[in-house]
Protein backbone atom coordinates (compact mmCIF):
# COMPACT_ATOMS: atom_id res chain seq x y z
CA MET A 1 0.10 0.10 -0.66
CA ASN A 2 1.50 3.22 -1.00
CA ARG A 3 1.49 6.82 1.02
CA LYS A 4 -1.51 8.02 -1.33
CA THR A 5 -3.86 4.84 -0.44
CA LYS A 6 -3.20 5.58 3.32
CA MET A 7 -4.50 8.98 2.66
CA ILE A 8 -7.99 8.48 1.28
CA PRO A 9 -9.18 7.16 4.79
CA LEU A 10 -8.00 10.05 5.92
CA LEU A 11 -9.34 12.31 3.41
CA ILE A 12 -13.22 10.96 4.58
CA LEU A 13 -12.87 10.98 7.44
CA LEU A 14 -11.93 14.44 7.75
CA ALA A 15 -14.85 15.73 5.44
CA LEU A 16 -17.43 14.20 7.57
CA ALA A 17 -15.85 15.77 10.27
CA LEU A 18 -16.76 19.00 8.02
CA VAL A 19 -20.14 17.40 7.50
CA GLY A 20 -21.67 16.87 10.39
CA PRO A 21 -21.61 20.72 11.21
CA VAL A 22 -23.03 22.36 9.38
CA ALA A 23 -25.75 19.92 9.05
CA ALA A 24 -26.46 20.19 13.11
CA GLN A 25 -26.24 23.95 12.33
CA SER A 26 -28.66 24.11 9.49
CA THR A 27 -31.19 21.15 11.29
CA ASN A 28 -30.68 24.01 14.00
CA THR A 29 -32.09 26.94 12.70
CA VAL A 30 -35.13 25.47 12.45
CA GLU A 31 -37.03 26.31 15.36
CA ALA A 32 -40.77 26.07 15.99
CA SER A 33 -42.68 27.82 18.96
CA LEU A 34 -46.41 28.65 20.38
CA SER A 35 -47.40 31.44 22.22
CA VAL A 36 -50.23 32.94 23.91
CA ALA A 37 -50.80 36.62 24.67
CA GLY A 38 -51.63 37.14 28.51
CA ASN A 39 -51.79 34.78 30.87
CA GLU A 40 -55.26 34.32 31.98
CA ARG A 41 -59.27 34.12 30.60
CA TYR A 42 -62.54 33.44 31.07
CA VAL A 43 -64.28 30.15 29.91
CA GLY A 44 -65.21 30.56 26.49
CA ASP A 45 -62.97 34.23 25.37
CA PRO A 46 -61.25 33.43 22.03
CA ILE A 47 -57.49 32.49 23.10
CA GLU A 48 -55.27 33.54 20.39
CA ALA A 49 -52.20 31.15 20.11
CA THR A 50 -49.54 31.95 17.23
CA LEU A 51 -48.10 28.94 16.03
CA SER A 52 -44.41 30.42 14.28
CA VAL A 53 -41.04 28.54 12.64
CA LYS A 54 -38.10 30.29 12.51
CA HIS A 55 -36.80 29.14 9.50
CA PRO A 56 -33.83 29.89 6.33
CA ALA A 57 -35.33 31.75 3.92
CA ASP A 58 -35.10 29.41 1.07
CA TYR A 59 -37.11 26.39 3.72
CA HIS A 60 -41.25 26.40 3.34
CA VAL A 61 -42.80 25.70 6.31
CA ILE A 62 -46.51 23.82 6.03
CA PHE A 63 -48.42 24.18 8.71
CA PRO A 64 -50.75 21.11 9.68
CA GLU A 65 -54.31 21.13 9.81
CA LEU A 66 -56.04 20.80 13.10
CA ASP A 67 -59.27 18.97 13.83
CA ARG A 68 -62.17 21.13 15.18
CA GLU A 69 -61.09 19.08 18.44
CA TRP A 70 -57.62 19.69 19.72
CA GLY A 71 -57.23 17.71 22.87
CA ASP A 72 -58.89 19.78 25.54
CA PHE A 73 -59.31 22.83 23.16
CA ILE A 74 -61.86 23.88 20.53
CA VAL A 75 -60.59 24.83 17.27
CA SER A 76 -62.78 27.97 15.55
CA SER A 77 -60.44 28.68 13.23
CA GLN A 78 -56.60 29.15 11.54
CA SER A 79 -55.34 32.63 9.57
CA PRO A 80 -53.16 31.79 6.33
CA PRO A 81 -49.62 31.79 7.03
CA VAL A 82 -47.23 34.91 6.99
CA THR A 83 -43.93 35.06 6.26
CA THR A 84 -41.42 38.49 8.13
CA ALA A 85 -37.38 38.53 7.54
CA VAL A 86 -35.74 38.26 10.16
CA ASP A 87 -31.52 38.95 10.72
CA ASP A 88 -29.29 36.41 8.70
CA GLY A 89 -30.59 35.27 6.03
CA LEU A 90 -33.50 33.84 8.32
CA GLU A 91 -37.14 34.30 8.15
CA VAL A 92 -40.55 33.24 10.74
CA THR A 93 -43.56 31.91 8.70
CA SER A 94 -46.75 32.35 11.56
CA GLN A 95 -50.31 31.32 11.79
CA VAL A 96 -52.94 32.32 14.33
CA ILE A 97 -54.57 29.64 15.55
CA ASP A 98 -58.05 31.08 17.52
CA LEU A 99 -58.92 28.20 20.40
CA ARG A 100 -61.88 28.20 22.85
CA LEU A 101 -61.84 26.59 26.43
CA PHE A 102 -65.15 26.17 28.03
CA THR A 103 -64.34 24.72 31.85
CA PRO A 104 -62.02 26.76 33.99
CA GLY A 105 -58.41 25.47 35.31
CA THR A 106 -55.49 25.07 33.76
CA PHE A 107 -54.77 23.39 29.86
CA SER A 108 -51.83 22.24 28.54
CA THR A 109 -51.54 22.11 24.40
CA PRO A 110 -50.96 18.99 22.93
CA PRO A 111 -47.34 19.00 20.83
CA LEU A 112 -48.03 20.38 17.65
CA ALA A 113 -45.86 19.19 14.84
CA VAL A 114 -44.94 21.33 11.17
CA SER A 115 -43.18 19.98 8.29
CA VAL A 116 -40.38 22.20 6.82
CA VAL A 117 -39.34 21.39 3.41
CA ASP A 118 -35.49 22.74 2.78
CA SER A 119 -33.72 24.04 -0.16
CA ALA A 120 -33.49 20.34 -1.09
CA GLY A 121 -36.44 19.11 -1.31
CA GLN A 122 -36.21 17.15 1.58
CA VAL A 123 -39.27 16.97 4.33
CA THR A 124 -38.25 17.37 8.15
CA GLU A 125 -40.42 17.81 10.99
CA VAL A 126 -39.97 20.22 14.24
CA VAL A 127 -42.54 20.40 17.55
CA ALA A 128 -43.23 23.15 18.77
CA GLU A 129 -43.25 22.62 23.14
CA PRO A 130 -47.23 22.66 24.73
CA ILE A 131 -47.51 25.54 26.27
CA LEU A 132 -50.44 26.23 29.57
CA ILE A 133 -53.02 28.06 29.39
CA ASN A 134 -54.88 29.43 32.61
CA ILE A 135 -59.01 29.93 32.36
CA ALA A 136 -60.51 31.60 35.36
CA SER A 137 -63.59 31.31 36.62
CA VAL A 138 -66.46 33.87 36.68
CA LEU A 139 -67.25 33.26 40.15
CA VAL A 140 -65.75 34.08 43.31
CA ALA A 141 -64.28 31.75 45.77
CA GLY A 142 -66.58 31.39 48.81
CA ASP A 143 -69.86 33.29 46.75
CA THR A 144 -72.51 30.93 47.51
CA ASN A 145 -75.08 33.18 47.55
CA LEU A 146 -78.02 32.68 44.44
CA ARG A 147 -78.87 35.16 41.83
CA ASP A 148 -81.36 35.51 39.67
CA ILE A 149 -80.74 35.24 35.53
CA LYS A 150 -79.71 38.39 34.23
CA PRO A 151 -82.05 39.66 31.94
CA GLN A 152 -82.10 39.56 27.89
CA ALA A 153 -79.65 42.78 26.96
CA GLU A 154 -81.86 45.51 25.89
CA LEU A 155 -82.09 46.71 22.38
CA PRO A 156 -82.52 49.94 21.49
CA PHE A 157 -86.23 50.59 20.33
CA LEU A 158 -86.56 51.99 16.76
CA ASN A 159 -90.58 53.31 16.78
CA LEU A 160 -91.40 52.66 12.74
CA LEU A 161 -94.63 53.62 13.87
CA PRO A 162 -94.31 57.25 12.37
CA TRP A 163 -92.77 56.57 9.42
CA VAL A 164 -95.48 53.73 8.48
CA ALA A 165 -97.91 56.37 9.22
CA GLY A 166 -96.11 59.06 7.03
CA GLY A 167 -95.16 56.28 3.84
CA LEU A 168 -99.48 56.08 4.02
CA VAL A 169 -100.09 59.68 3.97
CA ILE A 170 -98.10 59.99 1.20
CA ALA A 171 -99.32 57.04 -0.55
CA LEU A 172 -102.46 58.21 0.06
CA LEU A 173 -101.93 61.39 -1.01
CA ILE A 174 -99.97 60.46 -4.67
CA THR A 175 -103.51 58.13 -5.07
CA ALA A 176 -105.83 61.25 -4.81
CA VAL A 177 -103.61 62.96 -7.29
CA VAL A 178 -103.35 60.40 -9.48
CA PHE A 179 -106.96 60.12 -9.29
CA PHE A 180 -108.18 63.67 -9.92
CA ILE A 181 -105.52 64.41 -12.83
CA ARG A 182 -106.65 61.19 -14.58
CA ARG A 183 -110.93 61.92 -14.17
CA SER A 184 -109.44 66.01 -15.55
CA GLN A 185 -107.69 63.90 -18.71
CA ARG A 186 -111.27 62.27 -19.34
CA GLN A 187 -113.60 65.21 -18.23
CA ARG A 188 -111.02 67.10 -21.02
CA ALA A 189 -111.21 63.93 -23.10
CA LEU A 190 -115.10 63.88 -23.17
CA ALA A 191 -115.04 67.76 -23.41
CA ALA A 192 -113.37 67.14 -26.68
CA ILE A 193 -116.24 64.40 -28.34
CA ASP A 194 -118.42 65.92 -30.81
CA ASN A 195 -122.11 65.92 -29.32
CA ARG A 196 -123.30 67.72 -32.83
CA LEU A 197 -125.75 65.71 -34.23
CA PRO A 198 -125.58 63.79 -37.73
CA HIS A 199 -127.54 66.84 -39.16
CA GLU A 200 -125.38 70.03 -37.73
CA VAL A 201 -121.65 67.78 -38.88
CA ALA A 202 -123.08 67.21 -42.54
CA LEU A 203 -123.94 70.75 -42.71
CA ASP A 204 -120.75 72.43 -40.89
CA ASP A 205 -118.69 70.04 -43.15
CA LEU A 206 -120.81 71.32 -46.23
CA ASP A 207 -119.64 74.83 -45.29
CA LEU A 208 -115.98 73.75 -44.84
CA ILE A 209 -116.19 71.94 -47.86
CA GLU A 210 -117.46 75.30 -49.92
CA GLY A 211 -114.42 76.66 -47.87
CA LEU A 212 -112.39 75.36 -49.96
CA ALA A 213 -113.37 76.94 -53.23
CA LEU A 214 -111.97 73.50 -55.09
CA PRO A 215 -114.22 74.01 -58.32
CA ASP A 216 -112.50 77.48 -59.34
CA ALA A 217 -109.67 75.85 -58.82
CA GLY A 218 -110.61 73.32 -61.48
CA ARG A 219 -110.65 69.73 -58.83
CA PHE A 220 -113.86 68.77 -59.74
CA LYS A 221 -113.68 65.01 -59.03
CA GLN A 222 -112.36 66.38 -55.46
CA HIS A 223 -114.89 68.58 -54.86
CA TYR A 224 -117.61 65.82 -55.55
CA SER A 225 -115.97 63.51 -53.86
CA LEU A 226 -116.31 65.48 -50.59
CA VAL A 227 -120.16 66.31 -51.38
CA SER A 228 -121.37 62.80 -51.90
CA ASP A 229 -119.31 60.74 -48.90
CA CYS A 230 -120.13 63.97 -46.76
CA VAL A 231 -124.53 63.75 -47.70
CA ARG A 232 -123.99 59.08 -47.63
CA LEU A 233 -122.23 59.21 -44.18
CA TYR A 234 -124.96 62.00 -42.98
CA MET A 235 -127.81 59.58 -44.37
CA GLU A 236 -126.00 56.11 -43.23
CA LYS A 237 -126.55 57.83 -39.28
CA ARG A 238 -129.74 59.35 -40.47
CA PHE A 239 -131.04 56.18 -40.90
CA ASP A 240 -128.97 53.65 -39.98
CA VAL A 241 -128.44 52.06 -44.08
CA PRO A 242 -125.30 51.64 -44.75
CA MET A 243 -123.48 54.22 -47.61
CA LEU A 244 -120.36 54.76 -47.80
CA GLU A 245 -119.18 50.86 -49.53
CA ARG A 246 -122.69 50.14 -51.25
CA THR A 247 -123.66 51.47 -54.94
CA THR A 248 -126.14 53.26 -55.98
CA GLY A 249 -128.54 50.65 -56.12
CA GLU A 250 -127.87 49.16 -52.83
CA ILE A 251 -128.14 52.53 -51.37
CA GLN A 252 -131.60 52.88 -53.25
CA ASN A 253 -132.91 49.98 -51.95
CA GLY A 254 -131.92 50.31 -48.65
CA LEU A 255 -133.95 53.42 -48.51
CA SER A 256 -137.10 51.76 -49.66
CA GLN A 257 -137.08 50.34 -46.04
CA THR A 258 -136.81 53.68 -44.38
CA THR A 259 -139.15 56.93 -43.33
CA ILE A 260 -137.62 58.98 -45.74
CA GLU A 261 -139.80 61.26 -48.28
CA PRO A 262 -139.91 59.95 -51.67
CA SER A 263 -139.06 63.49 -53.65
CA ALA A 264 -135.84 63.53 -50.68
CA ALA A 265 -134.84 60.14 -51.08
CA GLY A 266 -134.40 61.01 -55.22
CA GLN A 267 -132.77 63.92 -54.76
CA PHE A 268 -130.48 62.07 -52.82
CA MET A 269 -130.02 59.67 -55.53
CA SER A 270 -129.69 62.10 -58.38
CA LEU A 271 -126.72 63.58 -56.45
CA LEU A 272 -125.14 60.08 -56.47
CA ASP A 273 -125.50 59.89 -60.12
CA ILE A 274 -123.93 63.31 -61.28
CA SER A 275 -121.15 62.50 -58.10
CA ASP A 276 -120.12 59.39 -60.10
CA LEU A 277 -120.59 60.71 -63.39
CA VAL A 278 -117.82 63.95 -62.46
CA LYS A 279 -115.95 61.04 -59.96
CA PHE A 280 -115.53 58.32 -63.06
CA SER A 281 -115.77 59.83 -65.94
CA ARG A 282 -114.51 62.68 -68.13
CA TYR A 283 -117.04 64.68 -68.24
CA THR A 284 -116.49 68.14 -66.54
CA PRO A 285 -119.36 70.11 -65.23
CA GLU A 286 -119.24 73.89 -65.28
CA THR A 287 -118.42 75.68 -61.80
CA ALA A 288 -121.75 77.00 -61.19
CA SER A 289 -123.18 73.21 -61.18
CA ALA A 290 -120.76 72.35 -58.74
CA TYR A 291 -121.69 75.24 -56.24
CA ALA A 292 -125.62 74.02 -57.01
CA LEU A 293 -124.10 70.67 -55.67
CA LEU A 294 -123.52 72.52 -52.28
CA THR A 295 -127.11 73.30 -52.34
CA SER A 296 -128.49 70.52 -53.02
CA ALA A 297 -127.03 68.40 -50.37
CA ARG A 298 -127.70 71.28 -48.27
CA GLN A 299 -131.66 70.55 -48.94
CA ILE A 300 -131.55 67.07 -48.84
CA VAL A 301 -129.41 67.54 -44.99
CA GLN A 302 -133.05 69.68 -44.36
CA LYS A 303 -135.27 67.89 -45.78
CA THR A 304 -134.54 64.85 -43.56
CA MET A 305 -133.03 65.67 -40.62
CA PRO A 306 -135.36 65.29 -37.36
CA GLU A 307 -138.75 67.25 -36.95
CA GLU A 308 -138.15 68.01 -33.85
CA GLU A 309 -134.83 69.83 -34.20
CA PRO A 310 -136.02 73.07 -35.89
CA ALA A 311 -133.92 74.45 -38.93
CA GLU A 312 -130.78 77.35 -38.22
CA GLY A 313 -131.14 80.31 -39.95
CA ASN A 314 -134.50 83.61 -40.27
CA GLY A 315 -137.08 80.78 -42.12
CA SER A 316 -138.55 77.44 -40.97
CA ALA A 317 -138.14 74.10 -42.23
CA GLN A 318 -141.12 74.04 -44.00
CA ASP A 319 -140.50 77.15 -45.87
CA VAL A 320 -136.85 75.80 -46.90
CA SER A 321 -138.65 72.98 -48.13
CA ALA A 322 -141.08 75.21 -50.02
CA ALA A 323 -137.79 76.39 -51.72
CA SER A 324 -136.20 73.04 -52.15
CA GLU A 325 -138.69 71.63 -54.60
CA ASP A 326 -136.83 72.30 -57.43
CA ASN A 327 -133.58 70.33 -57.39
CA ASP A 328 -131.40 72.88 -59.42
CA VAL A 329 -131.21 75.87 -57.14
CA SER A 330 -127.85 78.03 -57.94
CA ALA A 331 -125.43 77.42 -54.75
CA GLY A 332 -121.97 79.02 -54.13
CA PRO A 333 -121.10 82.53 -52.29
CA LYS A 334 -125.11 83.15 -51.61
CA VAL A 335 -125.42 79.74 -49.49
CA SER A 336 -124.65 81.16 -45.96
CA THR A 337 -123.82 78.68 -43.12
CA ASN A 338 -125.54 75.46 -42.03
CA GLY A 339 -127.55 75.65 -45.72
CA ASN A 340 -129.87 78.87 -44.99
CA LEU A 341 -129.75 80.87 -47.98
CA ARG A 342 -128.92 84.49 -48.10
CA GLN A 343 -131.00 84.71 -51.48
CA SER A 344 -133.77 82.30 -52.07
CA GLU A 345 -133.61 81.95 -55.87
CA VAL A 346 -135.51 78.97 -57.94
CA ARG A 347 -135.60 79.16 -61.38
CA ALA A 348 -138.51 77.72 -63.44
């Protein structure tokens, strides 16, 4: 055996001697402890026990998850771990454990093992030594007097009655305002309804048509259509016979079943015939004839209006009827409002 071979065992022993203190040093740098602030608590008071582990910066601490019942203690909660740096490259990882005790006396926490993972991935365990916790009784030593049960805690009374009453009053006021607004709207709507009788509407509409002066502009078809439709609508409302969507023959058959006078029915049918001729042919009437159509329409309305309704104007209904025996009465500017003639003229 040469000299180099003899040196190998010596080198191995030297290496082991150097590694041993380093390993012991690294193991000694991991410390676990459990602490509680204060010395005395009463039954049911929260006990905040802080579990702390001191370790190198590149280590990772794994805290255990405690059961609900941990020895004599009741575990209420465990906070998330918090790591803070300290001197010499060391850190402290801590967790707060909320404990409860419901019996007076002195109690010891069970040993609490914590897993620590080093930088090489090796897992070791460090144990936090038990600590003593004193739970004091609320009873005084030697006090044997019986006492009544304490009454329930009195909470501040909030009187909601004024608020409820005020809310009801406001609701009633809002309801009343809405009611009167809707009532006013209905009254305005009723006021806007046309309460005129059918013959009054027809005579007013004929005045409006005359005011358009369509014949003066050569718009005969529109003029004859408006006049005939006005009289059709009046006759439909007056005798309850459909007029607007029926032919002349159908209208004549319908009128034959009513109480209309033959002369008025004949004058009405003549007005429809001449209106159809102008509307559906190339026939162009004279301007005077177009205005005469308005006079004939007024005469039809005045002949067929209810007897109890007096004719408006200076003359009576009989005078107007006598003045309208001849259907060819000139019309136009000489006709006043609602068909009263300013200048009656009957051509033989």
